[in-house]
C-alpha atoms as a PDB file:
ATOM      1  CA  MET A   1      72.612  82.732  95.632  1.00  0.00           C
ATOM      2  CA  PRO A   2      74.176  85.872  95.076  1.00  0.00           C
ATOM      3  CA  PHE A   3      77.558  86.310  94.648  1.00  0.00           C
ATOM      4  CA  HIS A   4      79.886  89.538  94.130  1.00  0.00           C
ATOM      5  CA  CYS A   5      82.330  90.571  92.050  1.00  0.00           C
ATOM      6  CA  SER A   6      84.161  93.707  90.532  1.00  0.00           C
ATOM      7  CA  ARG A   7      87.121  95.689  89.594  1.00  0.00           C
ATOM      8  CA  ASN A   8      85.929  98.636  92.132  1.00  0.00           C
ATOM      9  CA  ARG A   9      87.716  98.255  94.893  1.00  0.00           C
ATOM     10  CA  ASN A  10      85.077  99.215  97.212  1.00  0.00           C
ATOM     11  CA  THR A  11      81.623  97.621  95.861  1.00  0.00           C
ATOM     12  CA  ALA A  12      80.729  94.433  94.492  1.00  0.00           C
ATOM     13  CA  GLN A  13      79.124  93.572  90.976  1.00  0.00           C
ATOM     14  CA  VAL A  14      76.415  90.812  91.651  1.00  0.00           C
ATOM     15  CA  LEU A  15      76.526  87.436  90.233  1.00  0.00           C
ATOM     16  CA  HIS A  16      74.986  84.150  90.660  1.00  0.00           C
ATOM     17  CA  LEU A  17      75.375  80.586  90.276  1.00  0.00           C
ATOM     18  CA  SER A  18      75.302  79.069  87.228  1.00  0.00           C
ATOM     19  CA  ASP A  19      73.832  82.670  85.643  1.00  0.00           C
ATOM     20  CA  ASP A  20      75.960  82.879  82.122  1.00  0.00           C
ATOM     21  CA  ALA A  21      75.062  86.293  81.350  1.00  0.00           C
ATOM     22  CA  ARG A  22      76.317  87.913  84.453  1.00  0.00           C
ATOM     23  CA  LEU A  23      79.454  86.462  84.214  1.00  0.00           C
ATOM     24  CA  ALA A  24      80.553  88.083  81.020  1.00  0.00           C
ATOM     25  CA  GLN A  25      79.080  90.896  81.882  1.00  0.00           C
ATOM     26  CA  SER A  26      80.788  91.306  84.699  1.00  0.00           C
ATOM     27  CA  ASN A  27      84.214  92.369  85.852  1.00  0.00           C
ATOM     28  CA  PHE A  28      85.499  89.208  86.016  1.00  0.00           C
ATOM     29  CA  ASN A  29      89.147  87.742  84.208  1.00  0.00           C
ATOM     30  CA  PHE A  30      89.631  84.522  83.243  1.00  0.00           C
ATOM     31  CA  ASN A  31      92.973  85.368  82.898  1.00  0.00           C
ATOM     32  CA  TYR A  32      94.395  86.690  86.205  1.00  0.00           C
ATOM     33  CA  PRO A  33      94.685  84.207  89.690  1.00  0.00           C
ATOM     34  CA  LEU A  34      91.752  83.521  91.836  1.00  0.00           C
ATOM     35  CA  ALA A  35      91.968  84.323  95.192  1.00  0.00           C
ATOM     36  CA  ILE A  36      88.725  83.250  97.438  1.00  0.00           C
ATOM     37  CA  TYR A  37      88.803  83.577 101.302  1.00  0.00           C
ATOM     38  CA  LEU A  38      86.601  82.740 104.132  1.00  0.00           C
ATOM     39  CA  HIS A  39      85.732  84.283 107.443  1.00  0.00           C
ATOM     40  CA  GLY A  40      85.971  82.949 110.848  1.00  0.00           C
ATOM     41  CA  PHE A  41      83.180  82.498 112.749  1.00  0.00           C
ATOM     42  CA  SER A  42      80.935  85.557 113.814  1.00  0.00           C
ATOM     43  CA  GLU A  43      83.093  87.512 111.386  1.00  0.00           C
ATOM     44  CA  SER A  44      81.470  88.823 108.978  1.00  0.00           C
ATOM     45  CA  ALA A  45      82.815  89.820 104.624  1.00  0.00           C
ATOM     46  CA  THR A  46      81.475  92.902 104.256  1.00  0.00           C
ATOM     47  CA  GLY A  47      81.844  96.272 106.995  1.00  0.00           C
ATOM     48  CA  GLU A  48      84.978  97.923 108.129  1.00  0.00           C
ATOM     49  CA  ARG A  49      87.828  96.497 110.283  1.00  0.00           C
ATOM     50  CA  GLN A  50      87.380  92.526 109.210  1.00  0.00           C
ATOM     51  CA  SER A  51      90.103  89.882 108.441  1.00  0.00           C
ATOM     52  CA  SER A  52      87.718  89.789 105.085  1.00  0.00           C
ATOM     53  CA  GLN A  53      88.569  93.589 103.822  1.00  0.00           C
ATOM     54  CA  GLU A  54      92.026  93.964 105.504  1.00  0.00           C
ATOM     55  CA  LEU A  55      93.040  90.608 102.463  1.00  0.00           C
ATOM     56  CA  LYS A  56      91.074  92.216  99.815  1.00  0.00           C
ATOM     57  CA  ASP A  57      93.123  94.993  99.800  1.00  0.00           C
ATOM     58  CA  ALA A  58      96.512  92.807  99.997  1.00  0.00           C
ATOM     59  CA  PHE A  59      95.486  91.424  97.143  1.00  0.00           C
ATOM     60  CA  LEU A  60      94.099  94.135  94.971  1.00  0.00           C
ATOM     61  CA  ARG A  61      97.874  96.278  96.314  1.00  0.00           C
ATOM     62  CA  ARG A  62      99.467  93.531  94.715  1.00  0.00           C
ATOM     63  CA  GLY A  63      97.667  93.905  91.172  1.00  0.00           C
ATOM     64  CA  LYS A  64      96.298  92.083  88.810  1.00  0.00           C
ATOM     65  CA  TYR A  65      93.989  89.367  91.003  1.00  0.00           C
ATOM     66  CA  ASN A  66      90.288  88.274  91.084  1.00  0.00           C
ATOM     67  CA  VAL A  67      89.067  88.544  94.375  1.00  0.00           C
ATOM     68  CA  ILE A  68      86.030  86.793  96.085  1.00  0.00           C
ATOM     69  CA  LEU A  69      84.541  87.234  99.795  1.00  0.00           C
ATOM     70  CA  ILE A  70      82.596  84.085 100.923  1.00  0.00           C
ATOM     71  CA  ASP A  71      79.740  86.243 103.446  1.00  0.00           C
ATOM     72  CA  TRP A  72      78.649  82.716 105.689  1.00  0.00           C
ATOM     73  CA  SER A  73      77.700  85.518 108.344  1.00  0.00           C
ATOM     74  CA  ALA A  74      74.425  84.496 109.168  1.00  0.00           C
ATOM     75  CA  MET A  75      75.317  81.117 110.005  1.00  0.00           C
ATOM     76  CA  THR A  76      78.089  81.977 111.497  1.00  0.00           C
ATOM     77  CA  ALA A  77      76.717  84.151 114.385  1.00  0.00           C
ATOM     78  CA  VAL A  78      77.195  84.374 117.709  1.00  0.00           C
ATOM     79  CA  PRO A  79      76.513  82.820 120.818  1.00  0.00           C
ATOM     80  CA  TRP A  80      75.741  79.428 118.048  1.00  0.00           C
ATOM     81  CA  TYR A  81      79.310  77.913 117.285  1.00  0.00           C
ATOM     82  CA  SER A  82      77.930  74.662 117.259  1.00  0.00           C
ATOM     83  CA  ASN A  83      75.559  75.768 114.498  1.00  0.00           C
ATOM     84  CA  ALA A  84      77.841  76.935 112.685  1.00  0.00           C
ATOM     85  CA  VAL A  85      80.199  73.945 112.498  1.00  0.00           C
ATOM     86  CA  GLU A  86      76.598  72.437 111.423  1.00  0.00           C
ATOM     87  CA  ASN A  87      76.660  75.066 108.201  1.00  0.00           C
ATOM     88  CA  LEU A  88      79.852  74.328 107.241  1.00  0.00           C
ATOM     89  CA  PRO A  89      78.939  71.623 105.299  1.00  0.00           C
ATOM     90  CA  VAL A  90      76.257  72.951 103.111  1.00  0.00           C
ATOM     91  CA  THR A  91      78.304  76.216 102.867  1.00  0.00           C
ATOM     92  CA  ALA A  92      80.932  74.093 101.303  1.00  0.00           C
ATOM     93  CA  ARG A  93      78.831  72.467  98.348  1.00  0.00           C
ATOM     94  CA  TYR A  94      78.329  75.967  97.670  1.00  0.00           C
ATOM     95  CA  LEU A  95      81.361  77.218  97.338  1.00  0.00           C
ATOM     96  CA  ALA A  96      82.387  73.581  95.182  1.00  0.00           C
ATOM     97  CA  ARG A  97      79.158  74.416  93.245  1.00  0.00           C
ATOM     98  CA  PHE A  98      80.661  77.627  91.838  1.00  0.00           C
ATOM     99  CA  LEU A  99      83.988  76.569  91.565  1.00  0.00           C
ATOM    100  CA  ARG A 100      82.606  74.022  89.492  1.00  0.00           C
ATOM    101  CA  PHE A 101      80.753  76.359  87.314  1.00  0.00           C
ATOM    102  CA  LEU A 102      83.905  79.249  86.522  1.00  0.00           C
ATOM    103  CA  VAL A 103      85.669  75.840  85.395  1.00  0.00           C
ATOM    104  CA  ASP A 104      83.094  74.312  83.348  1.00  0.00           C
ATOM    105  CA  LYS A 105      83.048  78.325  81.372  1.00  0.00           C
ATOM    106  CA  GLY A 106      86.235  77.810  81.025  1.00  0.00           C
ATOM    107  CA  TYR A 107      88.570  79.111  83.858  1.00  0.00           C
ATOM    108  CA  PRO A 108      91.887  76.876  85.115  1.00  0.00           C
ATOM    109  CA  ALA A 109      91.664  75.097  87.581  1.00  0.00           C
ATOM    110  CA  LYS A 110      94.929  75.775  88.585  1.00  0.00           C
ATOM    111  CA  TYR A 111      94.122  79.802  88.842  1.00  0.00           C
ATOM    112  CA  ILE A 112      92.185  78.963  92.371  1.00  0.00           C
ATOM    113  CA  HIS A 113      93.369  79.708  95.865  1.00  0.00           C
ATOM    114  CA  LEU A 114      91.582  79.258  98.429  1.00  0.00           C
ATOM    115  CA  ILE A 115      92.153  80.815 102.059  1.00  0.00           C
ATOM    116  CA  GLY A 116      89.914  80.000 105.001  1.00  0.00           C
ATOM    117  CA  PHE A 117      90.775  81.463 109.305  1.00  0.00           C
ATOM    118  CA  SER A 118      89.224  79.740 111.373  1.00  0.00           C
ATOM    119  CA  LEU A 119      86.210  77.872 110.413  1.00  0.00           C
ATOM    120  CA  GLY A 120      87.257  78.828 107.063  1.00  0.00           C
ATOM    121  CA  ALA A 121      90.003  76.554 106.870  1.00  0.00           C
ATOM    122  CA  GLU A 122      87.501  73.695 107.868  1.00  0.00           C
ATOM    123  CA  VAL A 123      85.215  75.265 104.773  1.00  0.00           C
ATOM    124  CA  ALA A 124      87.873  75.546 102.101  1.00  0.00           C
ATOM    125  CA  GLY A 125      89.103  71.848 103.177  1.00  0.00           C
ATOM    126  CA  PHE A 126      85.412  70.306 102.204  1.00  0.00           C
ATOM    127  CA  ALA A 127      85.033  72.463  99.145  1.00  0.00           C
ATOM    128  CA  GLY A 128      88.109  70.726  97.739  1.00  0.00           C
ATOM    129  CA  LYS A 129      86.635  67.263  99.299  1.00  0.00           C
ATOM    130  CA  GLN A 130      83.483  67.895  96.756  1.00  0.00           C
ATOM    131  CA  LEU A 131      85.161  69.179  93.917  1.00  0.00           C
ATOM    132  CA  GLN A 132      87.480  66.165  93.955  1.00  0.00           C
ATOM    133  CA  GLU A 133      83.710  63.931  93.753  1.00  0.00           C
ATOM    134  CA  TRP A 134      83.329  65.813  90.657  1.00  0.00           C
ATOM    135  CA  GLY A 135      87.206  65.318  89.283  1.00  0.00           C
ATOM    136  CA  ILE A 136      88.604  68.754  90.085  1.00  0.00           C
ATOM    137  CA  LYS A 137      91.858  69.333  92.386  1.00  0.00           C
ATOM    138  CA  LEU A 138      92.050  72.776  93.575  1.00  0.00           C
ATOM    139  CA  THR A 139      96.034  73.852  93.517  1.00  0.00           C
ATOM    140  CA  ARG A 140      96.512  75.204  96.552  1.00  0.00           C
ATOM    141  CA  ILE A 141      94.518  75.785  99.923  1.00  0.00           C
ATOM    142  CA  THR A 142      95.989  77.958 102.761  1.00  0.00           C
ATOM    143  CA  ALA A 143      94.850  77.169 105.936  1.00  0.00           C
ATOM    144  CA  LEU A 144      94.549  80.067 108.984  1.00  0.00           C
ATOM    145  CA  ASP A 145      94.506  78.515 111.994  1.00  0.00           C
ATOM    146  CA  PRO A 146      91.798  75.909 111.350  1.00  0.00           C
ATOM    147  CA  ALA A 147      89.104  75.536 114.586  1.00  0.00           C
ATOM    148  CA  LEU A 148      89.813  73.692 117.538  1.00  0.00           C
ATOM    149  CA  PRO A 149      86.340  73.015 118.952  1.00  0.00           C
ATOM    150  CA  LEU A 150      84.528  70.046 117.953  1.00  0.00           C
ATOM    151  CA  PHE A 151      86.591  68.595 115.489  1.00  0.00           C
ATOM    152  CA  GLU A 152      89.792  67.498 117.275  1.00  0.00           C
ATOM    153  CA  GLY A 153      90.624  64.539 116.772  1.00  0.00           C
ATOM    154  CA  ASN A 154      88.150  63.942 113.594  1.00  0.00           C
ATOM    155  CA  SER A 155      89.758  62.069 111.163  1.00  0.00           C
ATOM    156  CA  SER A 156      90.459  63.330 107.584  1.00  0.00           C
ATOM    157  CA  ASN A 157      87.193  63.377 105.745  1.00  0.00           C
ATOM    158  CA  ARG A 158      85.656  65.136 108.215  1.00  0.00           C
ATOM    159  CA  ARG A 159      88.526  67.980 108.936  1.00  0.00           C
ATOM    160  CA  LEU A 160      90.932  70.324 106.802  1.00  0.00           C
ATOM    161  CA  SER A 161      93.967  67.361 105.313  1.00  0.00           C
ATOM    162  CA  PRO A 162      97.060  67.702 102.781  1.00  0.00           C
ATOM    163  CA  SER A 163      94.796  65.482 100.205  1.00  0.00           C
ATOM    164  CA  ASP A 164      91.515  68.134  99.684  1.00  0.00           C
ATOM    165  CA  ALA A 165      94.350  69.880  97.040  1.00  0.00           C
ATOM    166  CA  ARG A 166      97.407  69.617  95.099  1.00  0.00           C
ATOM    167  CA  PHE A 167      99.479  72.421  98.231  1.00  0.00           C
ATOM    168  CA  VAL A 168      97.851  72.286 101.607  1.00  0.00           C
ATOM    169  CA  ASP A 169      99.577  75.216 103.338  1.00  0.00           C
ATOM    170  CA  VAL A 170      98.850  75.545 107.370  1.00  0.00           C
ATOM    171  CA  ILE A 171     100.026  78.464 109.540  1.00  0.00           C
ATOM    172  CA  HIS A 172      99.058  77.160 113.282  1.00  0.00           C
ATOM    173  CA  THR A 173      98.700  81.102 116.213  1.00  0.00           C
ATOM    174  CA  ASP A 174      96.959  79.407 119.061  1.00  0.00           C
ATOM    175  CA  GLY A 175      96.905  75.752 118.824  1.00  0.00           C
ATOM    176  CA  GLY A 176      94.931  73.662 121.929  1.00  0.00           C
ATOM    177  CA  LEU A 177      92.745  77.093 122.510  1.00  0.00           C
ATOM    178  CA  LEU A 178      91.083  77.772 119.302  1.00  0.00           C
ATOM    179  CA  GLY A 179      93.535  76.733 116.995  1.00  0.00           C
ATOM    180  CA  ASN A 180      94.136  73.267 115.814  1.00  0.00           C
ATOM    181  CA  PRO A 181      97.568  72.757 116.592  1.00  0.00           C
ATOM    182  CA  ALA A 182      98.043  69.458 114.609  1.00  0.00           C
ATOM    183  CA  ALA A 183      99.592  69.628 111.554  1.00  0.00           C
ATOM    184  CA  MET A 184      96.847  68.556 108.522  1.00  0.00           C
ATOM    185  CA  GLY A 185      99.136  70.152 105.468  1.00  0.00           C
ATOM    186  CA  HIS A 186     101.555  69.509 102.958  1.00  0.00           C
ATOM    187  CA  ALA A 187     103.810  72.389 105.089  1.00  0.00           C
ATOM    188  CA  ASP A 188     102.610  73.361 108.417  1.00  0.00           C
ATOM    189  CA  PHE A 189     103.965  76.717 110.000  1.00  0.00           C
ATOM    190  CA  TYR A 190     104.508  77.596 113.549  1.00  0.00           C
ATOM    191  CA  PRO A 191     105.850  80.832 114.283  1.00  0.00           C
ATOM    192  CA  ASN A 192     106.656  81.992 117.830  1.00  0.00           C
ATOM    193  CA  GLY A 193     105.647  77.831 118.547  1.00  0.00           C
ATOM    194  CA  GLY A 194     101.948  77.864 117.346  1.00  0.00           C
ATOM    195  CA  ARG A 195     100.623  78.479 120.835  1.00  0.00           C
ATOM    196  CA  PRO A 196      99.575  81.855 122.215  1.00  0.00           C
ATOM    197  CA  LEU A 197     100.377  84.060 123.723  1.00  0.00           C
ATOM    198  CA  GLN A 198     101.510  85.514 120.090  1.00  0.00           C
ATOM    199  CA  PRO A 199     104.026  88.337 120.603  1.00  0.00           C
ATOM    200  CA  GLY A 200     102.717  91.642 121.383  1.00  0.00           C
ATOM    201  CA  CYS A 201      98.998  89.846 121.891  1.00  0.00           C
ATOM    202  CA  ALA A 202      99.679  90.854 126.193  1.00  0.00           C
ATOM    203  CA  ARG A 203     100.430  94.111 126.257  1.00  0.00           C
ATOM    204  CA  GLN A 204      97.290  94.015 122.999  1.00  0.00           C
ATOM    205  CA  ASN A 205      94.957  93.073 125.249  1.00  0.00           C
ATOM    206  CA  ILE A 206      95.705  94.332 128.742  1.00  0.00           C
ATOM    207  CA  ALA A 207      94.960  97.512 127.440  1.00  0.00           C
ATOM    208  CA  ASN A 208      91.949  97.104 126.202  1.00  0.00           C
ATOM    209  CA  ASN A 209      90.456  93.518 127.909  1.00  0.00           C
ATOM    210  CA  TRP A 210      91.646  90.939 129.892  1.00  0.00           C
ATOM    211  CA  LEU A 211      89.072  88.625 128.179  1.00  0.00           C
ATOM    212  CA  GLY A 212      90.828  89.126 124.615  1.00  0.00           C
ATOM    213  CA  ILE A 213      93.683  87.883 126.001  1.00  0.00           C
ATOM    214  CA  ILE A 214      92.144  84.172 125.551  1.00  0.00           C
ATOM    215  CA  VAL A 215      89.784  84.324 123.462  1.00  0.00           C
ATOM    216  CA  GLY A 216      91.420  86.836 119.843  1.00  0.00           C
ATOM    217  CA  CYS A 217      94.549  87.994 119.631  1.00  0.00           C
ATOM    218  CA  SER A 218      97.130  84.865 118.610  1.00  0.00           C
ATOM    219  CA  HIS A 219      93.763  83.499 116.849  1.00  0.00           C
ATOM    220  CA  GLN A 220      93.995  86.513 114.522  1.00  0.00           C
ATOM    221  CA  ARG A 221      97.464  87.061 114.067  1.00  0.00           C
ATOM    222  CA  ALA A 222      97.230  83.838 111.418  1.00  0.00           C
ATOM    223  CA  TRP A 223      95.134  86.240 109.409  1.00  0.00           C
ATOM    224  CA  GLU A 224      97.340  88.737 110.378  1.00  0.00           C
ATOM    225  CA  TYR A 225     100.772  87.111 108.958  1.00  0.00           C
ATOM    226  CA  PHE A 226      99.515  86.092 105.776  1.00  0.00           C
ATOM    227  CA  VAL A 227      97.862  89.739 104.953  1.00  0.00           C
ATOM    228  CA  GLU A 228     101.556  91.067 105.874  1.00  0.00           C
ATOM    229  CA  SER A 229     102.749  87.923 103.724  1.00  0.00           C
ATOM    230  CA  VAL A 230     100.582  89.147 100.661  1.00  0.00           C
ATOM    231  CA  GLY A 231     102.718  92.354  99.870  1.00  0.00           C
ATOM    232  CA  GLN A 232     106.111  90.466 101.867  1.00  0.00           C
ATOM    233  CA  PRO A 233     106.259  87.341  99.907  1.00  0.00           C
ATOM    234  CA  ARG A 234     109.352  86.667 101.406  1.00  0.00           C
ATOM    235  CA  GLY A 235     108.791  88.369 104.692  1.00  0.00           C
ATOM    236  CA  PHE A 236     109.211  85.055 107.382  1.00  0.00           C
ATOM    237  CA  PRO A 237     111.764  82.992 106.857  1.00  0.00           C
ATOM    238  CA  ALA A 238     111.038  79.355 108.577  1.00  0.00           C
ATOM    239  CA  GLN A 239     113.379  76.418 109.020  1.00  0.00           C
ATOM    240  CA  ARG A 240     112.740  73.084 110.289  1.00  0.00           C
ATOM    241  CA  CYS A 241     113.800  73.553 113.493  1.00  0.00           C
ATOM    242  CA  GLU A 242     112.384  74.562 116.702  1.00  0.00           C
ATOM    243  CA  PRO A 243     114.221  77.861 117.570  1.00  0.00           C
ATOM    244  CA  SER A 244     114.780  76.464 121.446  1.00  0.00           C
ATOM    245  CA  GLU A 245     116.838  73.687 119.018  1.00  0.00           C
ATOM    246  CA  MET A 246     118.699  74.927 116.764  1.00  0.00           C
ATOM    247  CA  PHE A 247     121.606  76.897 118.279  1.00  0.00           C
ATOM    248  CA  GLY A 248     122.213  78.630 115.656  1.00  0.00           C
ATOM    249  CA  VAL A 249     122.396  76.212 113.172  1.00  0.00           C
ATOM    250  CA  CYS A 250     120.089  73.953 112.243  1.00  0.00           C
ATOM    251  CA  ARG A 251     120.637  69.976 110.873  1.00  0.00           C
ATOM    252  CA  GLU A 252     117.212  68.747 109.915  1.00  0.00           C
ATOM    253  CA  PRO A 253     117.261  67.418 106.524  1.00  0.00           C
ATOM    254  CA  GLY A 254     116.388  69.799 103.919  1.00  0.00           C
ATOM    255  CA  SER A 255     116.250  72.573 106.320  1.00  0.00           C
ATOM    256  CA  GLY A 256     116.977  75.498 104.355  1.00  0.00           C
ATOM    257  CA  PRO A 257     115.039  78.529 104.605  1.00  0.00           C
ATOM    258  CA  ALA A 258     110.683  78.813 103.470  1.00  0.00           C
ATOM    259  CA  HIS A 259     108.974  80.965 103.503  1.00  0.00           C
ATOM    260  CA  MET A 260     105.152  81.117 105.613  1.00  0.00           C
ATOM    261  CA  GLY A 261     102.532  82.635 103.927  1.00  0.00           C
ATOM    262  CA  MET A 262     101.901  83.593 100.203  1.00  0.00           C
ATOM    263  CA  GLY A 263     105.587  83.093  99.593  1.00  0.00           C
ATOM    264  CA  ALA A 264     105.267  79.248 100.144  1.00  0.00           C
ATOM    265  CA  ASP A 265     106.707  77.197  97.878  1.00  0.00           C
ATOM    266  CA  PRO A 266     104.179  74.354  96.464  1.00  0.00           C
ATOM    267  CA  ARG A 267     107.277  71.877  96.069  1.00  0.00           C
ATOM    268  CA  ILE A 268     108.072  72.041 100.761  1.00  0.00           C
ATOM    269  CA  ARG A 269     106.546  69.460 103.371  1.00  0.00           C
ATOM    270  CA  GLY A 270     107.043  69.155 106.747  1.00  0.00           C
ATOM    271  CA  LYS A 271     106.442  71.271 109.626  1.00  0.00           C
ATOM    272  CA  PHE A 272     107.824  74.653 109.622  1.00  0.00           C
ATOM    273  CA  PHE A 273     109.141  77.021 112.780  1.00  0.00           C
ATOM    274  CA  LEU A 274     109.752  81.096 112.880  1.00  0.00           C
ATOM    275  CA  ASP A 275     109.904  83.637 115.155  1.00  0.00           C
ATOM    276  CA  THR A 276     107.935  87.039 114.252  1.00  0.00           C
ATOM    277  CA  ASN A 277     107.909  90.771 115.762  1.00  0.00           C
ATOM    278  CA  ASP A 278     105.847  91.742 118.113  1.00  0.00           C
ATOM    279  CA  ALA A 279     103.709  94.707 116.439  1.00  0.00           C
ATOM    280  CA  LYS A 280     103.998  95.575 112.356  1.00  0.00           C
ATOM    281  CA  PRO A 281     105.689  94.510 110.608  1.00  0.00           C
ATOM    282  CA  PHE A 282     105.561  91.125 111.955  1.00  0.00           C
ATOM    283  CA  GLY A 283     108.249  89.662 109.586  1.00  0.00           C
ATOM    284  CA  ARG A 284     111.906  89.742 110.770  1.00  0.00           C
ATOM    285  CA  SER A 285     112.555  90.120 107.259  1.00  0.00           C
ATOM    286  CA  SER A 286     109.966  92.626 106.369  1.00  0.00           C
ATOM    287  CA  ARG A 287     110.538  96.100 105.035  1.00  0.00           C
ATOM    288  CA  PRO A 288     108.726  98.801 107.407  1.00  0.00           C
ATOM    289  CA  ARG A 289     104.839 100.210 106.284  1.00  0.00           C
ATOM    290  CA  ALA A 290     101.282 100.056 107.479  1.00  0.00           C
ATOM    291  CA  ILE A 291      98.690  97.742 107.565  1.00  0.00           C
ATOM    292  CA  VAL A 292      95.600  98.398 109.095  1.00  0.00           C
ATOM    293  CA  SER A 293      93.825  95.169 110.249  1.00  0.00           C
ATOM    294  CA  LEU A 294      92.007  94.547 113.564  1.00  0.00           C
ATOM    295  CA  ALA A 295      90.960  92.146 116.045  1.00  0.00           C
ATOM    296  CA  PRO A 296      87.371  89.832 114.877  1.00  0.00           C
ATOM    297  CA  ARG A 297      84.681  89.699 116.943  1.00  0.00           C
ATOM    298  CA  LEU A 298      85.112  85.780 119.100  1.00  0.00           C
ATOM    299  CA  PRO A 299      82.784  83.130 121.189  1.00  0.00           C
ATOM    300  CA  ILE A 300      82.860  83.048 124.780  1.00  0.00           C
ATOM    301  CA  ALA A 301      80.074  80.972 124.559  1.00  0.00           C
ATOM    302  CA  TYR A 302      78.475  78.382 121.917  1.00  0.00           C
ATOM    303  CA  LYS A 303      74.916  76.871 121.728  1.00  0.00           C
ATOM    304  CA  LEU A 304      72.267  75.820 118.959  1.00  0.00           C
ATOM    305  CA  PRO A 305      70.231  78.389 117.534  1.00  0.00           C
ATOM    306  CA  PRO A 306      66.783  77.796 115.028  1.00  0.00           C
ATOM    307  CA  ASN A 307      68.204  76.666 111.862  1.00  0.00           C
ATOM    308  CA  ALA A 308      69.052  79.009 109.016  1.00  0.00           C
ATOM    309  CA  THR A 309      67.785  80.045 106.331  1.00  0.00           C
ATOM    310  CA  ARG A 310      69.771  82.401 104.563  1.00  0.00           C
ATOM    311  CA  GLN A 311      72.351  80.808 102.044  1.00  0.00           C
ATOM    312  CA  PRO A 312      75.761  82.514 102.228  1.00  0.00           C
ATOM    313  CA  SER A 313      76.735  85.377  99.308  1.00  0.00           C
ATOM    314  CA  VAL A 314      79.669  85.866  97.983  1.00  0.00           C
ATOM    315  CA  SER A 315      81.695  89.406  97.377  1.00  0.00           C
ATOM    316  CA  GLY A 316      84.881  89.245  94.819  1.00  0.00           C
ATOM    317  CA  TRP A 317      87.115  92.366  93.571  1.00  0.00           C
ATOM    318  CA  ALA A 318      89.264  92.341  90.453  1.00  0.00           C
ATOM    319  CA  LEU A 319      92.033  94.632  89.345  1.00  0.00           C
ATOM    320  CA  GLY A 320      92.034  96.418  86.405  1.00  0.00           C
ATOM    321  CA  GLN A 321      94.996  96.636  84.640  1.00  0.00           C
ATOM    322  CA  ASP A 322      94.942 100.254  84.941  1.00  0.00           C
ATOM    323  CA  GLU A 323      94.641 100.200  88.538  1.00  0.00           C
ATOM    324  CA  GLN A 324      97.348  98.264  88.938  1.00  0.00           C
ATOM    325  CA  ASP A 325      99.961  99.229  91.629  1.00  0.00           C
ATOM    326  CA  GLU A 326     103.837  99.204  91.878  1.00  0.00           C
ATOM    327  CA  GLN A 327     105.055  95.849  93.088  1.00  0.00           C
ATOM    328  CA  ASP A 328     107.611  94.517  95.211  1.00  0.00           C
ATOM    329  CA  ASP A 329     110.779  92.554  93.507  1.00  0.00           C
ATOM    330  CA  ASP A 330     109.587  89.440  95.045  1.00  0.00           C
ATOM    331  CA  ASN A 331     105.979  88.909  93.739  1.00  0.00           C
ATOM    332  CA  ASN A 332     107.504  88.727  90.140  1.00  0.00           C
ATOM    333  CA  ALA A 333     108.959  85.441  91.334  1.00  0.00           C
ATOM    334  CA  LEU A 334     106.668  84.123  93.313  1.00  0.00           C
ATOM    335  CA  SER A 335     103.857  84.649  90.535  1.00  0.00           C
ATOM    336  CA  ASN A 336     105.703  80.960  88.685  1.00  0.00           C
ATOM    337  CA  ASN A 337     104.530  79.662  91.723  1.00  0.00           C
ATOM    338  CA  ILE A 338     101.329  78.997  89.513  1.00  0.00           C
ATOM    339  CA  ASP A 339     103.143  77.458  87.119  1.00  0.00           C
ATOM    340  CA  ARG A 340     104.164  75.025  89.135  1.00  0.00           C
ATOM    341  CA  PHE A 341     101.528  73.110  89.279  1.00  0.00           C
ATOM    342  CA  SER A 342     100.109  70.565  86.877  1.00  0.00           C
ATOM    343  CA  LEU A 343      96.924  69.291  86.650  1.00  0.00           C
ATOM    344  CA  THR A 344      95.543  65.723  85.510  1.00  0.00           C
END
């Protein structure tokens, strides 16, 4: 199964599972943290106007990151949602095998950060479960509006759960429709209540098509918020109280501000609430900046196709020292989060 990794921002470099020579010849940097992204149903990791590309670009702007994009689009094609769910454990096992390969070659497991959107969030959870069977526990999984259809009511061993990594943080934006509203991480964030419609979605989708109101905008806000947080780690301050319950002051125990997204402290626990802006920058503490994004194609019907035969692939990028961009002051403090985890 081919994997891709490159220091070029736009061109991938091919890696193969268990291929020592290709890994040694690649630009994968064993001293850089690794961000791995898993797209959602009906998406792809390649091409323009994809959540995968938005996230990759955001991390490369941070500098000194390896970025790997898992492309399992052959298994998540419209309209066969139920088949995508069935293929999910297969994709997770391939990913887990690749991560075990990296760890066996000396890459620190504490540098690995899995990020998944919708169905991709569930793949991340299953990969974390598989790795633990091999004695490896991931440092962090970030789940972006984990999928609800066919996962509602599942036990923790059949969906994402806090035990899948040392720190599991979840962003809920479309709870009850395409996203699962249940708390399933160490820290669960509910921007604007975690439900549709997210601010700005009605205006945005009425201008395009009414169906988009139902199936697109609020769900995709999860990855849009996270992408913005990569560049603005403290752009989304949150409290333990729902805004409607605060009356100006949050009196819940441990109610100091937490930060949704990239800046989440791995020591926080519980549910957190916040409001966002209705357009970019979404974060209430973000400085104005331009971030390009778009709505992924989303399902309107599900049915089972013939079994998929194509294996998932991975596209990756790593940024060289000579390409590093100027960082926000917050990024220096954020990098210390990695050192807060200790492997046992």
